[in-house]
Amino acid sequence: MEDRVGYSLPPSLCQSRPWLMISHGQDAQRQTFFDISKNYYYSKIIPELCDKGICRSCSSYGWLVLRDYTSQDCSLLNLVSMEMIELPPIEYSTSEYCILWLPPSDPNSHLLVVFKDFLMLWRPGDAEFVRKELLFDVKFNSFLTVTVDEGNIYALVAPHGDIVKADFKDPIVHFKKLINGEKPSLGLQEGQVFYDSYLVECNGEMLLVYKIYSASFLS
């Protein structure tokens, strides 16, 4: 990596719990990294992230999936090495999740861009994405969160919050139920809180993380 000043690079990513990163400012030029275990944050200006949105994704192996706000082009960025890989154009723009299955250097690596009832698959070196249809054995409205653990793809799906696992059978991807959904007990009054759900793999454990918004914040 070329010599760079510290504020243009992310903080060390080696810690026991995931980072929370928020992009903000004009053209999303500033990034704030929150260390939730130490209640501390770092403010950075990383050129590779300027004017780019981070797709809802499994940031496995240090990689993020980015979409340029202006050109709509997509790319992969490794926050450890700062290596960037340009991706082929994606015809659709309303994806729900992106999943990186193994690092791009692995010959079995895949990038999956998940939509409501199909996904687009890309392998490093491919000139374009390939479309795959989805099949569910639970009632399905939308994905709440998707993640990868030990080479398997898991998802939390609406409306009941069931946890499902992906089974690849060409030409479809079959999502099979593993755990019945339960409404979370967050200790807050009904109608006074809204939340997003995330399945996060961390140090060999699968965490179900809630990002909570109060009604006053949303108003």
C-alpha atoms as a PDB file:
ATOM      1  CA  MET A   1       0.000   0.000   0.000  1.00  0.00           C
ATOM      2  CA  GLU A   2       1.324   3.444  -0.894  1.00  0.00           C
ATOM      3  CA  ASP A   3       2.263   5.815   1.928  1.00  0.00           C
ATOM      4  CA  ARG A   4      -0.808   7.665   3.132  1.00  0.00           C
ATOM      5  CA  VAL A   5      -1.652   9.920   6.040  1.00  0.00           C
ATOM      6  CA  GLY A   6      -3.532   8.249   8.873  1.00  0.00           C
ATOM      7  CA  TYR A   7      -6.839  10.093   8.484  1.00  0.00           C
ATOM      8  CA  SER A   8      -7.239   8.698   4.935  1.00  0.00           C
ATOM      9  CA  LEU A   9      -7.147   5.087   6.180  1.00  0.00           C
ATOM     10  CA  PRO A  10      -9.588   3.148   8.382  1.00  0.00           C
ATOM     11  CA  PRO A  11      -8.575   2.278  11.960  1.00  0.00           C
ATOM     12  CA  SER A  12      -7.137  -1.162  12.672  1.00  0.00           C
ATOM     13  CA  LEU A  13      -9.934  -3.660  12.022  1.00  0.00           C
ATOM     14  CA  CYS A  14      -8.593  -6.288  14.448  1.00  0.00           C
ATOM     15  CA  GLN A  15     -10.870  -6.347  17.493  1.00  0.00           C
ATOM     16  CA  SER A  16     -13.306  -8.675  19.246  1.00  0.00           C
ATOM     17  CA  ARG A  17     -16.532  -7.018  18.040  1.00  0.00           C
ATOM     18  CA  PRO A  18     -17.639  -5.541  14.671  1.00  0.00           C
ATOM     19  CA  TRP A  19     -17.128  -1.869  13.809  1.00  0.00           C
ATOM     20  CA  LEU A  20     -20.077   0.430  13.158  1.00  0.00           C
ATOM     21  CA  MET A  21     -19.240   2.770  10.254  1.00  0.00           C
ATOM     22  CA  ILE A  22     -21.342   5.762   9.144  1.00  0.00           C
ATOM     23  CA  SER A  23     -20.623   7.858   6.035  1.00  0.00           C
ATOM     24  CA  HIS A  24     -21.713  11.507   6.198  1.00  0.00           C
ATOM     25  CA  GLY A  25     -20.883  15.040   5.088  1.00  0.00           C
ATOM     26  CA  GLN A  26     -20.907  16.522   1.584  1.00  0.00           C
ATOM     27  CA  ASP A  27     -20.709  13.726  -1.023  1.00  0.00           C
ATOM     28  CA  ALA A  28     -20.382  11.253   1.868  1.00  0.00           C
ATOM     29  CA  GLN A  29     -16.718  12.251   2.093  1.00  0.00           C
ATOM     30  CA  ARG A  30     -16.325  11.606   5.842  1.00  0.00           C
ATOM     31  CA  GLN A  31     -16.516   8.244   7.618  1.00  0.00           C
ATOM     32  CA  THR A  32     -16.946   7.732  11.369  1.00  0.00           C
ATOM     33  CA  PHE A  33     -15.947   4.362  12.836  1.00  0.00           C
ATOM     34  CA  PHE A  34     -17.533   3.494  16.196  1.00  0.00           C
ATOM     35  CA  ASP A  35     -15.847   0.987  18.513  1.00  0.00           C
ATOM     36  CA  ILE A  36     -18.952  -0.251  20.341  1.00  0.00           C
ATOM     37  CA  SER A  37     -16.941  -2.293  22.863  1.00  0.00           C
ATOM     38  CA  LYS A  38     -14.907   0.745  24.031  1.00  0.00           C
ATOM     39  CA  ASN A  39     -17.518   3.484  23.394  1.00  0.00           C
ATOM     40  CA  TYR A  40     -15.036   5.370  21.204  1.00  0.00           C
ATOM     41  CA  TYR A  41     -15.035   6.623  17.611  1.00  0.00           C
ATOM     42  CA  TYR A  42     -12.571   7.582  14.878  1.00  0.00           C
ATOM     43  CA  SER A  43     -13.284  10.214  12.199  1.00  0.00           C
ATOM     44  CA  LYS A  44     -11.718   9.573   8.772  1.00  0.00           C
ATOM     45  CA  ILE A  45     -11.752  10.908   5.185  1.00  0.00           C
ATOM     46  CA  ILE A  46     -11.144   7.890   2.910  1.00  0.00           C
ATOM     47  CA  PRO A  47     -11.025   8.841  -0.813  1.00  0.00           C
ATOM     48  CA  GLU A  48     -12.164   5.386  -1.983  1.00  0.00           C
ATOM     49  CA  LEU A  49     -15.446   5.844  -0.065  1.00  0.00           C
ATOM     50  CA  CYS A  50     -16.164   9.410  -1.173  1.00  0.00           C
ATOM     51  CA  ASP A  51     -19.428   9.797  -3.169  1.00  0.00           C
ATOM     52  CA  LYS A  52     -20.170   6.079  -2.747  1.00  0.00           C
ATOM     53  CA  GLY A  53     -22.887   4.221  -0.920  1.00  0.00           C
ATOM     54  CA  ILE A  54     -22.177   0.976   0.891  1.00  0.00           C
ATOM     55  CA  CYS A  55     -24.605  -1.685  -0.282  1.00  0.00           C
ATOM     56  CA  ARG A  56     -26.324  -3.682   2.434  1.00  0.00           C
ATOM     57  CA  SER A  57     -23.948  -6.590   2.445  1.00  0.00           C
ATOM     58  CA  CYS A  58     -22.034  -9.250   4.282  1.00  0.00           C
ATOM     59  CA  SER A  59     -18.713  -7.495   4.725  1.00  0.00           C
ATOM     60  CA  SER A  60     -16.853 -10.784   4.838  1.00  0.00           C
ATOM     61  CA  TYR A  61     -13.061 -10.957   4.700  1.00  0.00           C
ATOM     62  CA  GLY A  62     -12.698  -7.173   5.009  1.00  0.00           C
ATOM     63  CA  TRP A  63     -14.530  -6.356   1.732  1.00  0.00           C
ATOM     64  CA  LEU A  64     -17.334  -3.850   1.133  1.00  0.00           C
ATOM     65  CA  VAL A  65     -19.632  -3.610  -1.910  1.00  0.00           C
ATOM     66  CA  LEU A  66     -19.827   0.015  -3.079  1.00  0.00           C
ATOM     67  CA  ARG A  67     -22.128   1.843  -5.505  1.00  0.00           C
ATOM     68  CA  ASP A  68     -21.082   5.195  -6.967  1.00  0.00           C
ATOM     69  CA  TYR A  69     -23.821   7.800  -6.394  1.00  0.00           C
ATOM     70  CA  THR A  70     -23.101   9.506  -9.728  1.00  0.00           C
ATOM     71  CA  SER A  71     -22.292   6.704 -12.198  1.00  0.00           C
ATOM     72  CA  GLN A  72     -24.121   3.856 -10.337  1.00  0.00           C
ATOM     73  CA  ASP A  73     -21.041   1.691 -11.023  1.00  0.00           C
ATOM     74  CA  CYS A  74     -20.303  -0.970  -8.388  1.00  0.00           C
ATOM     75  CA  SER A  75     -16.992  -2.108  -6.934  1.00  0.00           C
ATOM     76  CA  LEU A  76     -15.434  -4.160  -4.148  1.00  0.00           C
ATOM     77  CA  LEU A  77     -13.153  -2.454  -1.598  1.00  0.00           C
ATOM     78  CA  ASN A  78     -10.964  -4.227   0.950  1.00  0.00           C
ATOM     79  CA  LEU A  79     -10.659  -2.075   4.070  1.00  0.00           C
ATOM     80  CA  VAL A  80      -7.462  -3.854   5.166  1.00  0.00           C
ATOM     81  CA  SER A  81      -5.378  -3.724   1.961  1.00  0.00           C
ATOM     82  CA  MET A  82      -7.417  -0.888   0.332  1.00  0.00           C
ATOM     83  CA  GLU A  83      -7.511  -2.973  -2.874  1.00  0.00           C
ATOM     84  CA  MET A  84     -10.434  -2.079  -5.175  1.00  0.00           C
ATOM     85  CA  ILE A  85     -12.065  -4.333  -7.813  1.00  0.00           C
ATOM     86  CA  GLU A  86     -14.430  -2.877 -10.413  1.00  0.00           C
ATOM     87  CA  LEU A  87     -17.563  -4.960 -11.052  1.00  0.00           C
ATOM     88  CA  PRO A  88     -19.553  -5.474 -14.279  1.00  0.00           C
ATOM     89  CA  PRO A  89     -22.687  -3.346 -14.705  1.00  0.00           C
ATOM     90  CA  ILE A  90     -25.796  -4.543 -12.844  1.00  0.00           C
ATOM     91  CA  GLU A  91     -29.041  -4.008 -14.777  1.00  0.00           C
ATOM     92  CA  TYR A  92     -31.184  -3.695 -11.642  1.00  0.00           C
ATOM     93  CA  SER A  93     -30.731  -1.033  -8.952  1.00  0.00           C
ATOM     94  CA  THR A  94     -33.108  -2.112  -6.150  1.00  0.00           C
ATOM     95  CA  SER A  95     -31.094  -4.955  -4.612  1.00  0.00           C
ATOM     96  CA  GLU A  96     -31.826  -6.011  -1.032  1.00  0.00           C
ATOM     97  CA  TYR A  97     -28.422  -7.497  -0.117  1.00  0.00           C
ATOM     98  CA  CYS A  98     -24.969  -8.315  -1.474  1.00  0.00           C
ATOM     99  CA  ILE A  99     -23.080 -11.409  -0.311  1.00  0.00           C
ATOM    100  CA  LEU A 100     -19.370 -12.065  -0.824  1.00  0.00           C
ATOM    101  CA  TRP A 101     -18.822 -15.816  -0.627  1.00  0.00           C
ATOM    102  CA  LEU A 102     -15.062 -16.326  -0.028  1.00  0.00           C
ATOM    103  CA  PRO A 103     -12.427 -13.665  -0.825  1.00  0.00           C
ATOM    104  CA  PRO A 104     -12.009 -12.646  -4.512  1.00  0.00           C
ATOM    105  CA  SER A 105      -8.560 -14.308  -4.532  1.00  0.00           C
ATOM    106  CA  ASP A 106     -10.183 -17.716  -3.879  1.00  0.00           C
ATOM    107  CA  PRO A 107     -11.027 -19.654  -7.088  1.00  0.00           C
ATOM    108  CA  ASN A 108     -14.434 -20.575  -5.579  1.00  0.00           C
ATOM    109  CA  SER A 109     -15.347 -16.981  -4.722  1.00  0.00           C
ATOM    110  CA  HIS A 110     -18.806 -15.633  -5.652  1.00  0.00           C
ATOM    111  CA  LEU A 111     -20.511 -12.284  -5.270  1.00  0.00           C
ATOM    112  CA  LEU A 112     -24.290 -12.610  -4.930  1.00  0.00           C
ATOM    113  CA  VAL A 113     -26.545  -9.577  -5.398  1.00  0.00           C
ATOM    114  CA  VAL A 114     -29.877 -10.571  -3.842  1.00  0.00           C
ATOM    115  CA  PHE A 115     -33.200  -9.130  -5.014  1.00  0.00           C
ATOM    116  CA  LYS A 116     -36.698 -10.003  -3.732  1.00  0.00           C
ATOM    117  CA  ASP A 117     -37.266 -13.095  -5.877  1.00  0.00           C
ATOM    118  CA  PHE A 118     -33.992 -13.636  -7.756  1.00  0.00           C
ATOM    119  CA  LEU A 119     -30.274 -13.022  -7.399  1.00  0.00           C
ATOM    120  CA  MET A 120     -27.381 -12.070  -9.678  1.00  0.00           C
ATOM    121  CA  LEU A 121     -24.157 -14.087  -9.382  1.00  0.00           C
ATOM    122  CA  TRP A 122     -20.626 -12.954 -10.340  1.00  0.00           C
ATOM    123  CA  ARG A 123     -17.302 -14.785 -10.138  1.00  0.00           C
ATOM    124  CA  PRO A 124     -13.939 -12.956 -10.306  1.00  0.00           C
ATOM    125  CA  GLY A 125     -12.946 -12.701 -13.964  1.00  0.00           C
ATOM    126  CA  ASP A 126     -16.525 -12.933 -15.305  1.00  0.00           C
ATOM    127  CA  ALA A 127     -17.579 -10.210 -17.752  1.00  0.00           C
ATOM    128  CA  GLU A 128     -21.173 -10.115 -16.475  1.00  0.00           C
ATOM    129  CA  PHE A 129     -23.561 -11.260 -13.744  1.00  0.00           C
ATOM    130  CA  VAL A 130     -25.692 -14.431 -14.127  1.00  0.00           C
ATOM    131  CA  ARG A 131     -29.332 -14.493 -12.925  1.00  0.00           C
ATOM    132  CA  LYS A 132     -30.632 -17.217 -10.530  1.00  0.00           C
ATOM    133  CA  GLU A 133     -34.256 -17.677  -9.394  1.00  0.00           C
ATOM    134  CA  LEU A 134     -35.198 -18.095  -5.695  1.00  0.00           C
ATOM    135  CA  LEU A 135     -37.516 -20.610  -3.999  1.00  0.00           C
ATOM    136  CA  PHE A 136     -38.727 -20.470  -0.358  1.00  0.00           C
ATOM    137  CA  ASP A 137     -40.412 -23.085   1.860  1.00  0.00           C
ATOM    138  CA  VAL A 138     -41.659 -20.358   4.260  1.00  0.00           C
ATOM    139  CA  LYS A 139     -43.977 -17.402   3.763  1.00  0.00           C
ATOM    140  CA  PHE A 140     -41.757 -14.685   2.322  1.00  0.00           C
ATOM    141  CA  ASN A 141     -42.229 -10.939   1.850  1.00  0.00           C
ATOM    142  CA  SER A 142     -38.657  -9.637   1.947  1.00  0.00           C
ATOM    143  CA  PHE A 143     -35.184 -10.194   3.347  1.00  0.00           C
ATOM    144  CA  LEU A 144     -34.516  -8.561   6.720  1.00  0.00           C
ATOM    145  CA  THR A 145     -30.852  -9.550   6.816  1.00  0.00           C
ATOM    146  CA  VAL A 146     -28.504 -11.972   5.041  1.00  0.00           C
ATOM    147  CA  THR A 147     -25.102 -13.274   6.108  1.00  0.00           C
ATOM    148  CA  VAL A 148     -22.457 -15.949   5.405  1.00  0.00           C
ATOM    149  CA  ASP A 149     -20.957 -18.318   7.987  1.00  0.00           C
ATOM    150  CA  GLU A 150     -18.500 -21.136   7.176  1.00  0.00           C
ATOM    151  CA  GLY A 151     -19.509 -21.109   3.505  1.00  0.00           C
ATOM    152  CA  ASN A 152     -23.258 -21.217   4.201  1.00  0.00           C
ATOM    153  CA  ILE A 153     -25.752 -18.417   3.479  1.00  0.00           C
ATOM    154  CA  TYR A 154     -28.360 -17.598   6.140  1.00  0.00           C
ATOM    155  CA  ALA A 155     -31.187 -15.059   6.055  1.00  0.00           C
ATOM    156  CA  LEU A 156     -33.783 -13.569   8.378  1.00  0.00           C
ATOM    157  CA  VAL A 157     -36.976 -13.064   6.362  1.00  0.00           C
ATOM    158  CA  ALA A 158     -40.258 -11.178   6.782  1.00  0.00           C
ATOM    159  CA  PRO A 159     -43.084 -11.354   7.725  1.00  0.00           C
ATOM    160  CA  HIS A 160     -42.468 -13.798  10.612  1.00  0.00           C
ATOM    161  CA  GLY A 161     -38.717 -13.433  11.180  1.00  0.00           C
ATOM    162  CA  ASP A 162     -37.897 -17.036  10.197  1.00  0.00           C
ATOM    163  CA  ILE A 163     -34.211 -17.917   9.769  1.00  0.00           C
ATOM    164  CA  VAL A 164     -33.536 -19.799   6.509  1.00  0.00           C
ATOM    165  CA  LYS A 165     -30.494 -21.381   4.853  1.00  0.00           C
ATOM    166  CA  ALA A 166     -29.678 -21.311   1.131  1.00  0.00           C
ATOM    167  CA  ASP A 167     -29.327 -24.533  -0.860  1.00  0.00           C
ATOM    168  CA  PHE A 168     -27.910 -24.044  -4.367  1.00  0.00           C
ATOM    169  CA  LYS A 169     -29.595 -26.307  -6.937  1.00  0.00           C
ATOM    170  CA  ASP A 170     -29.158 -25.039 -10.511  1.00  0.00           C
ATOM    171  CA  PRO A 171     -30.943 -23.136 -11.883  1.00  0.00           C
ATOM    172  CA  ILE A 172     -32.549 -22.056  -8.568  1.00  0.00           C
ATOM    173  CA  VAL A 173     -31.500 -21.215  -5.014  1.00  0.00           C
ATOM    174  CA  HIS A 174     -33.762 -22.877  -2.436  1.00  0.00           C
ATOM    175  CA  PHE A 175     -34.078 -21.183   1.002  1.00  0.00           C
ATOM    176  CA  LYS A 176     -35.056 -23.773   3.654  1.00  0.00           C
ATOM    177  CA  LYS A 177     -36.355 -22.940   7.140  1.00  0.00           C
ATOM    178  CA  LEU A 178     -34.025 -23.549  10.095  1.00  0.00           C
ATOM    179  CA  ILE A 179     -35.619 -21.609  12.978  1.00  0.00           C
ATOM    180  CA  ASN A 180     -39.155 -20.277  13.469  1.00  0.00           C
ATOM    181  CA  GLY A 181     -39.328 -16.521  13.840  1.00  0.00           C
ATOM    182  CA  GLU A 182     -39.975 -14.797  17.159  1.00  0.00           C
ATOM    183  CA  LYS A 183     -40.747 -11.149  17.784  1.00  0.00           C
ATOM    184  CA  PRO A 184     -37.818  -9.631  19.719  1.00  0.00           C
ATOM    185  CA  SER A 185     -38.313  -8.517  23.308  1.00  0.00           C
ATOM    186  CA  LEU A 186     -36.509  -5.180  23.414  1.00  0.00           C
ATOM    187  CA  GLY A 187     -38.004  -3.879  26.661  1.00  0.00           C
ATOM    188  CA  LEU A 188     -39.635  -0.912  24.924  1.00  0.00           C
ATOM    189  CA  GLN A 189     -43.257   0.123  24.488  1.00  0.00           C
ATOM    190  CA  GLU A 190     -45.190  -1.112  21.446  1.00  0.00           C
ATOM    191  CA  GLY A 191     -45.380   1.572  18.766  1.00  0.00           C
ATOM    192  CA  GLN A 192     -42.588   3.628  20.333  1.00  0.00           C
ATOM    193  CA  VAL A 193     -39.668   1.901  18.630  1.00  0.00           C
ATOM    194  CA  PHE A 194     -38.620   0.835  15.159  1.00  0.00           C
ATOM    195  CA  TYR A 195     -35.632  -1.357  14.407  1.00  0.00           C
ATOM    196  CA  ASP A 196     -33.566  -3.037  11.692  1.00  0.00           C
ATOM    197  CA  SER A 197     -32.304  -6.603  12.171  1.00  0.00           C
ATOM    198  CA  TYR A 198     -28.864  -7.933  11.212  1.00  0.00           C
ATOM    199  CA  LEU A 199     -27.319 -11.403  11.344  1.00  0.00           C
ATOM    200  CA  VAL A 200     -23.600 -10.861  11.962  1.00  0.00           C
ATOM    201  CA  GLU A 201     -20.887 -13.535  12.102  1.00  0.00           C
ATOM    202  CA  CYS A 202     -18.185 -12.613  14.631  1.00  0.00           C
ATOM    203  CA  ASN A 203     -15.402 -14.848  15.959  1.00  0.00           C
ATOM    204  CA  GLY A 204     -17.252 -18.039  15.102  1.00  0.00           C
ATOM    205  CA  GLU A 205     -20.565 -16.897  16.617  1.00  0.00           C
ATOM    206  CA  MET A 206     -23.768 -15.816  14.868  1.00  0.00           C
ATOM    207  CA  LEU A 207     -25.126 -12.623  16.428  1.00  0.00           C
ATOM    208  CA  LEU A 208     -28.633 -11.203  15.888  1.00  0.00           C
ATOM    209  CA  VAL A 209     -28.119  -7.427  16.171  1.00  0.00           C
ATOM    210  CA  TYR A 210     -30.877  -4.799  16.326  1.00  0.00           C
ATOM    211  CA  LYS A 211     -30.411  -1.166  15.298  1.00  0.00           C
ATOM    212  CA  ILE A 212     -33.124   0.707  17.185  1.00  0.00           C
ATOM    213  CA  TYR A 213     -34.788   4.007  16.216  1.00  0.00           C
ATOM    214  CA  SER A 214     -37.044   5.875  18.615  1.00  0.00           C
ATOM    215  CA  ALA A 215     -40.287   7.389  17.322  1.00  0.00           C
ATOM    216  CA  SER A 216     -39.019  10.871  18.221  1.00  0.00           C
ATOM    217  CA  PHE A 217     -35.900  10.332  16.081  1.00  0.00           C
ATOM    218  CA  LEU A 218     -37.932   9.257  13.045  1.00  0.00           C
ATOM    219  CA  SER A 219     -40.271  12.247  13.357  1.00  0.00           C
END
